[in-house]
Amino acid sequence: MTPIDPSTPSASGSNSQSEADFIELVKSVRSLRVLFNLALVILLLFLVTLNAFMLWQVRATRVQASRLTPAVREMERVVGEYETNSVPIMQQFTVELRRFAERNPDFAPILNRYAGAIPGGRPTNAPPQAPVANPAPNK
């Protein structure tokens, strides 16, 4: 379907009909242009608002992070102190406890009962393993 130029000569009856169709087509195109431009403006406003909101969120997050930094540093200090001071003492205690159980066979059943609660290696934050129901006897 091609647009009809109203200036071209044609039959008088169809000329008025084609001219009305052309005018209606021009009005429709103008209406679509206005709607398209309006949609673009609304999209632009939405994006500007979204960017402003995201900027506000970034600033709020930075403020919260700056407030939490001293607490994080304190926690790092406490964990470091725990790992350098408490962990070696606990490891030494478990080694001595196992040596005591080897020298005193009467204590071995007690140690075996709580074997899952006594870590064998380096202590972690993982929950202790459930003890074995019937541990193998030590020879």
Protein backbone atom coordinates (compact mmCIF):
# COMPACT_ATOMS: atom_id res chain seq x y z
CA MET A 1 0.00 0.00 0.00
CA THR A 2 1.60 3.26 -1.08
CA PRO A 3 0.61 6.69 0.13
CA ILE A 4 -1.38 8.67 -2.38
CA ASP A 5 -0.32 12.19 -3.08
CA PRO A 6 -3.43 14.38 -3.01
CA SER A 7 -1.99 16.66 -5.72
CA THR A 8 -2.08 13.92 -8.38
CA PRO A 9 -5.04 14.08 -10.69
CA SER A 10 -7.51 11.22 -10.39
CA ALA A 11 -11.20 10.62 -10.47
CA SER A 12 -13.14 13.27 -8.55
CA GLY A 13 -15.08 10.76 -6.40
CA SER A 14 -12.06 8.77 -5.31
CA ASN A 15 -9.95 11.95 -4.99
CA SER A 16 -11.89 13.19 -1.98
CA GLN A 17 -11.79 9.68 -0.46
CA SER A 18 -8.04 9.28 -1.00
CA GLU A 19 -7.42 12.80 0.31
CA ALA A 20 -9.38 11.98 3.49
CA ASP A 21 -7.40 8.75 3.88
CA PHE A 22 -4.14 10.65 3.43
CA ILE A 23 -5.11 13.26 6.02
CA GLU A 24 -6.12 10.49 8.42
CA LEU A 25 -2.77 8.78 7.81
CA VAL A 26 -0.87 12.01 8.51
CA LYS A 27 -2.83 12.50 11.75
CA SER A 28 -2.08 8.91 12.79
CA VAL A 29 1.65 9.34 12.12
CA ARG A 30 1.72 12.59 14.13
CA SER A 31 -0.15 10.89 16.96
CA LEU A 32 2.33 8.00 16.93
CA ARG A 33 5.25 10.44 16.97
CA VAL A 34 3.80 12.22 19.99
CA LEU A 35 3.24 8.92 21.81
CA PHE A 36 6.75 7.73 20.94
CA ASN A 37 8.30 10.98 22.19
CA LEU A 38 6.22 10.79 25.35
CA ALA A 39 7.36 7.21 25.93
CA LEU A 40 10.99 8.29 25.47
CA VAL A 41 10.59 11.14 27.97
CA ILE A 42 8.99 8.81 30.51
CA LEU A 43 11.80 6.27 29.99
CA LEU A 44 14.39 9.01 30.44
CA LEU A 45 12.75 10.19 33.68
CA PHE A 46 12.60 6.62 34.94
CA LEU A 47 16.30 6.07 34.23
CA VAL A 48 17.31 9.33 35.88
CA THR A 49 15.25 8.42 38.96
CA LEU A 50 16.75 4.91 39.03
CA ASN A 51 20.29 6.30 38.80
CA ALA A 52 19.58 8.78 41.59
CA PHE A 53 18.23 5.97 43.78
CA MET A 54 21.27 3.79 43.07
CA LEU A 55 23.61 6.66 43.90
CA TRP A 56 21.77 7.18 47.18
CA GLN A 57 22.10 3.46 47.97
CA VAL A 58 25.84 3.49 47.24
CA ARG A 59 26.33 6.45 49.56
CA ALA A 60 24.28 4.81 52.31
CA THR A 61 26.30 1.61 51.95
CA ARG A 62 29.57 3.51 52.20
CA VAL A 63 28.37 5.25 55.37
CA GLN A 64 27.40 1.90 56.91
CA ALA A 65 30.74 0.37 55.90
CA SER A 66 32.63 3.25 57.50
CA ARG A 67 30.63 2.74 60.72
CA LEU A 68 31.39 -1.00 60.76
CA THR A 69 35.11 -0.71 60.01
CA PRO A 70 36.20 -0.29 63.67
CA ALA A 71 34.13 -3.31 64.71
CA VAL A 72 35.62 -5.40 61.90
CA ARG A 73 39.13 -4.41 62.93
CA GLU A 74 38.37 -5.33 66.54
CA MET A 75 37.01 -8.71 65.44
CA GLU A 76 40.14 -9.32 63.35
CA ARG A 77 42.26 -8.51 66.40
CA VAL A 78 40.26 -10.86 68.64
CA VAL A 79 40.38 -13.71 66.12
CA GLY A 80 44.10 -13.21 65.62
CA GLU A 81 44.65 -13.23 69.37
CA TYR A 82 42.54 -16.39 69.67
CA GLU A 83 44.53 -18.14 66.96
CA THR A 84 47.92 -17.14 68.37
CA ASN A 85 47.18 -17.58 72.11
CA SER A 86 44.23 -19.92 72.70
CA VAL A 87 44.59 -22.45 69.89
CA PRO A 88 48.10 -23.62 70.86
CA ILE A 89 46.97 -24.01 74.49
CA MET A 90 43.96 -26.10 73.42
CA GLN A 91 46.12 -28.24 71.16
CA GLN A 92 48.62 -28.81 73.95
CA PHE A 93 45.78 -29.74 76.30
CA THR A 94 44.38 -32.34 73.89
CA VAL A 95 47.84 -33.83 73.34
CA GLU A 96 48.36 -34.09 77.11
CA LEU A 97 44.88 -35.57 77.53
CA ARG A 98 45.64 -38.27 74.95
CA ARG A 99 49.00 -39.02 76.62
CA PHE A 100 47.25 -39.33 79.98
CA ALA A 101 44.72 -41.75 78.43
CA GLU A 102 47.59 -43.86 77.05
CA ARG A 103 49.29 -44.05 80.45
CA ASN A 104 46.06 -44.67 82.38
CA PRO A 105 43.87 -47.27 80.67
CA ASP A 106 41.03 -46.54 83.12
CA PHE A 107 40.64 -43.10 81.55
CA ALA A 108 40.54 -44.42 77.95
CA PRO A 109 36.75 -45.18 77.97
CA ILE A 110 36.02 -41.64 79.12
CA LEU A 111 38.22 -40.18 76.42
CA ASN A 112 36.67 -42.46 73.80
CA ARG A 113 33.17 -41.38 74.85
CA TYR A 114 34.04 -37.75 74.11
CA ALA A 115 36.38 -38.42 71.19
CA GLY A 116 34.15 -36.47 68.76
CA ALA A 117 34.22 -33.39 70.98
CA ILE A 118 38.01 -33.37 71.28
CA PRO A 119 39.58 -32.17 68.05
CA GLY A 120 42.48 -34.14 66.74
CA GLY A 121 44.07 -31.35 64.74
CA ARG A 122 43.70 -27.62 64.53
CA PRO A 123 40.40 -26.36 66.04
CA THR A 124 37.91 -24.91 63.57
CA ASN A 125 34.52 -23.25 63.70
CA ALA A 126 32.88 -26.42 62.38
CA PRO A 127 30.54 -28.21 64.80
CA PRO A 128 32.06 -31.26 66.48
CA GLN A 129 31.47 -34.63 64.87
CA ALA A 130 29.15 -37.11 66.57
CA PRO A 131 31.10 -39.67 68.61
CA VAL A 132 31.37 -43.20 67.32
CA ALA A 133 29.01 -45.61 69.17
CA ASN A 134 31.59 -48.41 69.63
CA PRO A 135 35.08 -47.10 69.01
CA ALA A 136 37.83 -49.55 68.20
CA PRO A 137 39.98 -50.43 71.21
CA ASN A 138 43.45 -48.91 71.33
CA LYS A 139 46.27 -51.42 71.21
